[in-house]
Amino acid sequence: FEGARIEDANVDALWFSRPSHSKREAWELRLIAETPYALFETFEADEPEEAREEVRQEMGARMSEFAKRP
């Protein structure tokens, strides 16, 4: 994936984004593990980037909590 950003994190996961219905943008965070798990969120076209980033940070925290489970 040329141009994809790689970041160090405490969990192995991938971000995906794509256009969604009603001019929204869908974001998905998928855990790379034996047990499939993903978090999904959609954003309005006019939603500020700061608000989007805050939600994505929350999704990352939720993913980390899930990955810690035995």
Foldseek 3Di string as FASTA:
>chain_A
DPPDDDDDDPFDWDWDWDADPPRKIKIKIWGDDPDTDMDIDIGHNPDDPVVVVVVVVVRSVVVVVVVPDD
